[in-house]
Amino acid sequence: MKAQSKSQQKAAGAALSAKRGDTKVGDLQGASKEMYDSMSEDELEEMASTDHDDLPETKD
């Protein structure tokens, strides 16, 4: 699934970083913590790698 907003992409990137052990899980908040708990590393990677040039800041 592709990210639908820049903020969603950033949250996926933060969750992916924690999944890979690069950052602490305890540092996650809000959507990134939910994504960490509910999505696989592959799903997070796909969402975080979405081209963000045409994405809105937030989803309406």
N, C-alpha and C. Protein backbone atom coordinates (compact mmCIF):
# COMPACT_ATOMS: atom_id res chain seq x y z
N MET A 1 0.85 -1.17 0.00
CA MET A 1 0.00 0.00 0.00
C MET A 1 0.90 1.24 0.00
N LYS A 2 0.58 2.17 -0.82
CA LYS A 2 1.36 3.41 -0.92
C LYS A 2 0.83 4.43 0.10
N ALA A 3 1.71 5.30 0.55
CA ALA A 3 1.32 6.37 1.48
C ALA A 3 0.41 7.34 0.76
N GLN A 4 -0.55 7.90 1.49
CA GLN A 4 -1.50 8.84 0.90
C GLN A 4 -1.21 10.27 1.32
N SER A 5 -0.22 10.47 2.18
CA SER A 5 0.18 11.82 2.59
C SER A 5 1.63 11.79 3.05
N LYS A 6 2.23 12.98 3.10
CA LYS A 6 3.62 13.07 3.57
C LYS A 6 3.73 12.66 5.03
N SER A 7 2.74 13.02 5.84
CA SER A 7 2.81 12.66 7.25
C SER A 7 2.69 11.15 7.44
N GLN A 8 1.89 10.49 6.61
CA GLN A 8 1.77 9.04 6.69
C GLN A 8 3.09 8.38 6.27
N GLN A 9 3.75 8.95 5.27
CA GLN A 9 5.02 8.42 4.81
C GLN A 9 6.09 8.56 5.90
N LYS A 10 6.10 9.70 6.58
CA LYS A 10 7.07 9.93 7.65
C LYS A 10 6.84 8.97 8.82
N ALA A 11 5.57 8.73 9.16
CA ALA A 11 5.25 7.81 10.25
C ALA A 11 5.70 6.39 9.89
N ALA A 12 5.49 6.01 8.64
CA ALA A 12 5.93 4.68 8.19
C ALA A 12 7.44 4.57 8.25
N GLY A 13 8.14 5.63 7.90
CA GLY A 13 9.60 5.63 7.97
C GLY A 13 10.10 5.47 9.39
N ALA A 14 9.45 6.14 10.33
CA ALA A 14 9.83 6.02 11.74
C ALA A 14 9.58 4.61 12.25
N ALA A 15 8.43 4.03 11.89
CA ALA A 15 8.11 2.67 12.31
C ALA A 15 9.08 1.67 11.69
N LEU A 16 9.43 1.88 10.45
CA LEU A 16 10.38 0.99 9.77
C LEU A 16 11.74 1.05 10.44
N SER A 17 12.17 2.23 10.82
CA SER A 17 13.45 2.40 11.51
C SER A 17 13.46 1.61 12.82
N ALA A 18 12.35 1.63 13.53
CA ALA A 18 12.26 0.89 14.79
C ALA A 18 12.22 -0.62 14.53
N LYS A 19 11.51 -1.04 13.48
CA LYS A 19 11.46 -2.47 13.14
C LYS A 19 12.85 -3.00 12.84
N ARG A 20 13.66 -2.19 12.20
CA ARG A 20 15.02 -2.61 11.83
C ARG A 20 16.00 -2.47 12.99
N GLY A 21 15.57 -1.88 14.09
CA GLY A 21 16.42 -1.73 15.26
C GLY A 21 17.30 -0.50 15.23
N ASP A 22 17.05 0.40 14.29
CA ASP A 22 17.86 1.62 14.20
C ASP A 22 17.46 2.66 15.23
N THR A 23 16.20 2.66 15.65
CA THR A 23 15.71 3.56 16.69
C THR A 23 14.97 2.76 17.74
N LYS A 24 14.72 3.37 18.88
CA LYS A 24 14.04 2.69 19.97
C LYS A 24 12.53 2.69 19.74
N VAL A 25 11.90 1.56 20.02
CA VAL A 25 10.45 1.45 19.89
C VAL A 25 9.78 2.42 20.84
N GLY A 26 10.37 2.65 21.99
CA GLY A 26 9.81 3.56 22.98
C GLY A 26 9.76 5.00 22.52
N ASP A 27 10.52 5.34 21.48
CA ASP A 27 10.51 6.70 20.95
C ASP A 27 9.35 6.95 20.00
N LEU A 28 8.66 5.89 19.58
CA LEU A 28 7.55 6.03 18.64
C LEU A 28 6.32 6.59 19.35
N GLN A 29 5.55 7.39 18.60
CA GLN A 29 4.32 7.97 19.14
C GLN A 29 3.24 7.91 18.07
N GLY A 30 2.00 7.89 18.51
CA GLY A 30 0.86 8.01 17.61
C GLY A 30 0.84 7.00 16.49
N ALA A 31 0.70 7.51 15.25
CA ALA A 31 0.52 6.64 14.08
C ALA A 31 1.72 5.73 13.85
N SER A 32 2.92 6.22 14.10
CA SER A 32 4.10 5.38 13.87
C SER A 32 4.11 4.18 14.82
N LYS A 33 3.67 4.36 16.06
CA LYS A 33 3.60 3.25 17.00
C LYS A 33 2.54 2.23 16.56
N GLU A 34 1.40 2.72 16.09
CA GLU A 34 0.35 1.83 15.59
C GLU A 34 0.83 1.06 14.36
N MET A 35 1.53 1.75 13.47
CA MET A 35 2.07 1.09 12.27
C MET A 35 3.10 0.03 12.66
N TYR A 36 3.94 0.33 13.62
CA TYR A 36 4.96 -0.62 14.09
C TYR A 36 4.29 -1.91 14.57
N ASP A 37 3.19 -1.76 15.31
CA ASP A 37 2.50 -2.92 15.88
C ASP A 37 1.70 -3.71 14.85
N SER A 38 1.19 -3.04 13.82
CA SER A 38 0.23 -3.71 12.93
C SER A 38 0.74 -4.05 11.54
N MET A 39 1.92 -3.56 11.15
CA MET A 39 2.39 -3.76 9.79
C MET A 39 3.72 -4.52 9.77
N SER A 40 3.94 -5.25 8.68
CA SER A 40 5.21 -5.97 8.52
C SER A 40 6.28 -5.01 8.01
N GLU A 41 7.53 -5.45 8.08
CA GLU A 41 8.63 -4.62 7.59
C GLU A 41 8.47 -4.34 6.10
N ASP A 42 8.02 -5.33 5.34
CA ASP A 42 7.82 -5.13 3.89
C ASP A 42 6.74 -4.09 3.61
N GLU A 43 5.64 -4.14 4.36
CA GLU A 43 4.56 -3.16 4.18
C GLU A 43 5.05 -1.76 4.52
N LEU A 44 5.79 -1.65 5.61
CA LEU A 44 6.31 -0.34 6.02
C LEU A 44 7.30 0.20 5.00
N GLU A 45 8.13 -0.68 4.45
CA GLU A 45 9.10 -0.25 3.45
C GLU A 45 8.40 0.28 2.20
N GLU A 46 7.35 -0.41 1.77
CA GLU A 46 6.60 0.04 0.59
C GLU A 46 5.97 1.41 0.84
N MET A 47 5.39 1.59 2.03
CA MET A 47 4.74 2.86 2.34
C MET A 47 5.76 3.98 2.50
N ALA A 48 6.86 3.70 3.13
CA ALA A 48 7.88 4.73 3.36
C ALA A 48 8.59 5.14 2.07
N SER A 49 8.61 4.25 1.09
CA SER A 49 9.33 4.55 -0.15
C SER A 49 8.47 5.22 -1.21
N THR A 50 7.23 5.54 -0.87
CA THR A 50 6.34 6.22 -1.81
C THR A 50 6.94 7.56 -2.23
N ASP A 51 6.89 7.86 -3.53
CA ASP A 51 7.36 9.15 -4.03
C ASP A 51 6.48 10.24 -3.42
N HIS A 52 7.07 11.19 -2.72
CA HIS A 52 6.29 12.16 -1.97
C HIS A 52 6.08 13.50 -2.68
N ASP A 53 6.56 13.63 -3.90
CA ASP A 53 6.45 14.91 -4.59
C ASP A 53 5.01 15.37 -4.79
N ASP A 54 4.11 14.46 -5.07
CA ASP A 54 2.72 14.83 -5.34
C ASP A 54 1.77 14.56 -4.17
N LEU A 55 2.32 14.26 -3.01
CA LEU A 55 1.47 13.95 -1.86
C LEU A 55 1.11 15.21 -1.08
N PRO A 56 -0.11 15.27 -0.55
CA PRO A 56 -0.46 16.38 0.34
C PRO A 56 0.24 16.21 1.69
N GLU A 57 0.35 17.27 2.48
CA GLU A 57 0.97 17.18 3.81
C GLU A 57 0.21 16.19 4.70
N THR A 58 -1.11 16.31 4.71
CA THR A 58 -1.95 15.42 5.50
C THR A 58 -3.11 14.93 4.64
N LYS A 59 -3.65 13.80 5.03
CA LYS A 59 -4.79 13.24 4.32
C LYS A 59 -6.06 13.90 4.83
N ASP A 60 -6.94 14.28 3.93
CA ASP A 60 -8.21 14.93 4.34
C ASP A 60 -9.15 13.94 4.99
